[in-house]
Amino acid sequence: MGAKVGGSKGGANSDINVTPLIDVVLVLLIIFMVLTPRTIEEITASLPSKTETKKKQDDKNDQLLVAVYEDGSAALNLKKMDDRELWDQLRKRLRAKEKKVVFVDAHPNLEFGRVVSMMDLAKDAGADRVGLARIKDEGPKAPEGDAAAVPPAPEE
């Protein structure tokens, strides 16, 4: 990296001079070190107020979940009903909501066409967005009081 002095009879020196490159890199490093604390101070976060947080929790409790079970039956928020009643209930509840979002949770062994028909039913009832939910790997939880939900008694 030093200069060659002496009696070599070669032509021009073909070694790269890296000193200007190091100078530029050091200047850039100093610039970034000076600017970084200023940019960190300017970053702001808008936190929700207490009323917004409470409203979001209320909305979360009022989510609409259509569960489709392995036998093809459907339920709205764990209340089993036929397709026509489900459509009516969804329509009534979606009218009162600002954000019209419905989630569909289906059993993994269920025929895909049945899941699509439930999504179409939710869309026809007035949902702006229909999402697929996967609450559990084994499918949606059976509603309370359902005979299929009660495990069989052990045989003696």
Protein backbone atom coordinates (compact mmCIF):
# COMPACT_ATOMS: atom_id res chain seq x y z
CA MET A 1 0.00 0.00 0.00
CA GLY A 2 2.96 2.26 0.13
CA ALA A 3 4.61 4.00 -2.79
CA LYS A 4 7.27 2.08 -4.65
CA VAL A 5 10.56 3.82 -4.69
CA GLY A 6 13.51 2.68 -6.53
CA GLY A 7 14.74 1.22 -9.67
CA SER A 8 12.05 -0.87 -11.16
CA LYS A 9 11.87 -0.21 -14.84
CA GLY A 10 8.22 -1.09 -15.28
CA GLY A 11 5.61 1.25 -16.63
CA ALA A 12 2.77 2.78 -14.74
CA ASN A 13 1.73 1.45 -11.33
CA SER A 14 -1.54 -0.54 -11.64
CA ASP A 15 -2.36 -0.77 -7.91
CA ILE A 16 -5.65 0.85 -6.86
CA ASN A 17 -5.40 3.81 -4.52
CA VAL A 18 -8.06 3.14 -1.83
CA THR A 19 -7.35 6.23 0.28
CA PRO A 20 -10.04 8.41 -1.39
CA LEU A 21 -12.57 5.55 -1.05
CA ILE A 22 -11.87 5.24 2.68
CA ASP A 23 -12.22 9.01 3.08
CA VAL A 24 -15.64 8.99 1.39
CA VAL A 25 -16.83 6.04 3.50
CA LEU A 26 -15.74 7.75 6.72
CA VAL A 27 -17.53 10.98 5.75
CA LEU A 28 -20.73 9.02 5.00
CA LEU A 29 -20.41 7.17 8.31
CA ILE A 30 -20.17 10.45 10.20
CA ILE A 31 -23.17 11.89 8.33
CA PHE A 32 -25.32 8.86 9.15
CA MET A 33 -24.21 8.91 12.79
CA VAL A 34 -25.29 12.54 13.08
CA LEU A 35 -28.65 12.11 11.29
CA THR A 36 -29.80 8.88 12.96
CA PRO A 37 -30.70 10.33 16.39
CA ARG A 38 -32.74 13.11 14.74
CA THR A 39 -34.81 10.70 12.65
CA ILE A 40 -35.53 8.49 15.65
CA GLU A 41 -36.88 11.46 17.62
CA GLU A 42 -39.18 12.43 14.74
CA ILE A 43 -40.90 9.03 14.55
CA THR A 44 -44.29 9.30 16.20
CA ALA A 45 -46.91 6.74 17.07
CA SER A 46 -50.59 7.46 17.26
CA LEU A 47 -51.98 5.40 20.12
CA PRO A 48 -55.71 4.79 20.37
CA SER A 49 -57.64 6.52 23.10
CA LYS A 50 -59.46 4.58 25.82
CA THR A 51 -62.82 4.98 24.09
CA GLU A 52 -61.46 3.64 20.80
CA THR A 53 -59.97 0.64 22.62
CA LYS A 54 -63.28 -0.09 24.34
CA LYS A 55 -65.15 0.22 21.04
CA LYS A 56 -62.76 -2.24 19.36
CA GLN A 57 -63.28 -4.72 22.19
CA ASP A 58 -67.06 -4.40 21.79
CA ASP A 59 -66.70 -4.99 18.05
CA LYS A 60 -64.56 -8.02 18.74
CA ASN A 61 -67.27 -9.48 20.95
CA ASP A 62 -69.83 -8.85 18.20
CA GLN A 63 -67.98 -10.64 15.41
CA LEU A 64 -70.00 -12.82 13.09
CA LEU A 65 -68.66 -16.35 12.70
CA VAL A 66 -70.40 -18.87 10.48
CA ALA A 67 -69.32 -22.38 11.43
CA VAL A 68 -69.89 -25.25 9.01
CA TYR A 69 -69.65 -28.70 10.59
CA GLU A 70 -68.57 -32.03 9.12
CA ASP A 71 -72.17 -33.11 8.50
CA GLY A 72 -72.81 -29.92 6.48
CA SER A 73 -74.91 -28.16 9.11
CA ALA A 74 -74.19 -24.51 9.83
CA ALA A 75 -74.25 -22.25 12.87
CA LEU A 76 -73.98 -18.52 13.46
CA ASN A 77 -71.86 -17.75 16.54
CA LEU A 78 -72.33 -21.35 17.79
CA LYS A 79 -76.13 -21.33 17.33
CA LYS A 80 -77.19 -24.00 14.83
CA MET A 81 -79.73 -22.99 12.21
CA ASP A 82 -80.74 -23.83 8.67
CA ASP A 83 -79.47 -21.80 5.70
CA ARG A 84 -82.56 -19.59 5.37
CA GLU A 85 -82.56 -18.66 9.06
CA LEU A 86 -78.80 -18.10 8.91
CA TRP A 87 -79.25 -15.71 5.99
CA ASP A 88 -81.99 -13.80 7.85
CA GLN A 89 -79.92 -13.50 11.04
CA LEU A 90 -76.83 -12.39 9.13
CA ARG A 91 -78.84 -9.79 7.24
CA LYS A 92 -80.32 -8.36 10.45
CA ARG A 93 -76.99 -8.22 12.26
CA LEU A 94 -75.08 -6.79 9.31
CA ARG A 95 -77.55 -3.92 8.92
CA ALA A 96 -76.67 -2.67 12.40
CA LYS A 97 -72.90 -2.93 11.91
CA GLU A 98 -70.57 -0.32 10.50
CA LYS A 99 -67.97 -2.84 9.33
CA LYS A 100 -69.74 -5.68 7.59
CA VAL A 101 -67.30 -8.56 8.03
CA VAL A 102 -68.23 -12.24 8.33
CA PHE A 103 -65.82 -15.12 9.04
CA VAL A 104 -66.47 -18.67 7.86
CA ASP A 105 -64.92 -21.58 9.77
CA ALA A 106 -65.37 -25.00 8.19
CA HIS A 107 -64.39 -28.54 9.06
CA PRO A 108 -61.37 -29.68 7.02
CA ASN A 109 -63.16 -32.82 5.75
CA LEU A 110 -66.13 -30.83 4.45
CA GLU A 111 -66.85 -30.61 0.75
CA PHE A 112 -65.40 -27.38 -0.68
CA GLY A 113 -68.63 -26.48 -2.48
CA ARG A 114 -70.48 -26.25 0.84
CA VAL A 115 -67.89 -23.78 2.15
CA VAL A 116 -68.21 -21.66 -0.99
CA SER A 117 -72.00 -21.69 -0.70
CA MET A 118 -71.69 -20.41 2.91
CA MET A 119 -69.38 -17.64 1.73
CA ASP A 120 -71.87 -16.72 -1.01
CA LEU A 121 -74.70 -16.78 1.54
CA ALA A 122 -72.80 -14.34 3.76
CA LYS A 123 -72.06 -12.08 0.79
CA ASP A 124 -75.72 -12.14 -0.28
CA ALA A 125 -76.78 -11.26 3.25
CA GLY A 126 -74.87 -7.98 2.96
CA ALA A 127 -71.31 -8.69 4.05
CA ASP A 128 -68.69 -6.42 2.47
CA ARG A 129 -65.90 -8.82 3.38
CA VAL A 130 -65.99 -12.58 3.93
CA GLY A 131 -62.94 -14.17 5.49
CA LEU A 132 -61.96 -17.75 6.13
CA ALA A 133 -61.15 -18.57 9.74
CA ARG A 134 -59.35 -21.60 11.01
CA ILE A 135 -60.04 -21.71 14.72
CA LYS A 136 -58.94 -25.31 15.28
CA ASP A 137 -57.30 -27.96 13.12
CA GLU A 138 -60.18 -30.38 13.75
CA GLY A 139 -62.81 -27.88 12.62
CA PRO A 140 -65.23 -25.58 14.40
CA LYS A 141 -66.37 -26.28 17.94
CA ALA A 142 -69.84 -27.78 18.19
CA PRO A 143 -72.44 -25.56 19.86
CA GLU A 144 -73.46 -26.10 23.47
CA GLY A 145 -76.25 -28.60 24.00
CA ASP A 146 -75.68 -30.31 20.65
CA ALA A 147 -76.00 -34.10 20.78
CA ALA A 148 -73.03 -34.50 18.46
CA ALA A 149 -70.85 -32.51 20.84
CA VAL A 150 -71.39 -34.92 23.75
CA PRO A 151 -68.91 -37.80 23.65
CA PRO A 152 -70.41 -41.28 23.82
CA ALA A 153 -70.49 -42.99 27.18
CA PRO A 154 -67.73 -45.57 27.71
CA GLU A 155 -68.86 -49.17 27.32
CA GLU A 156 -68.38 -51.55 30.22
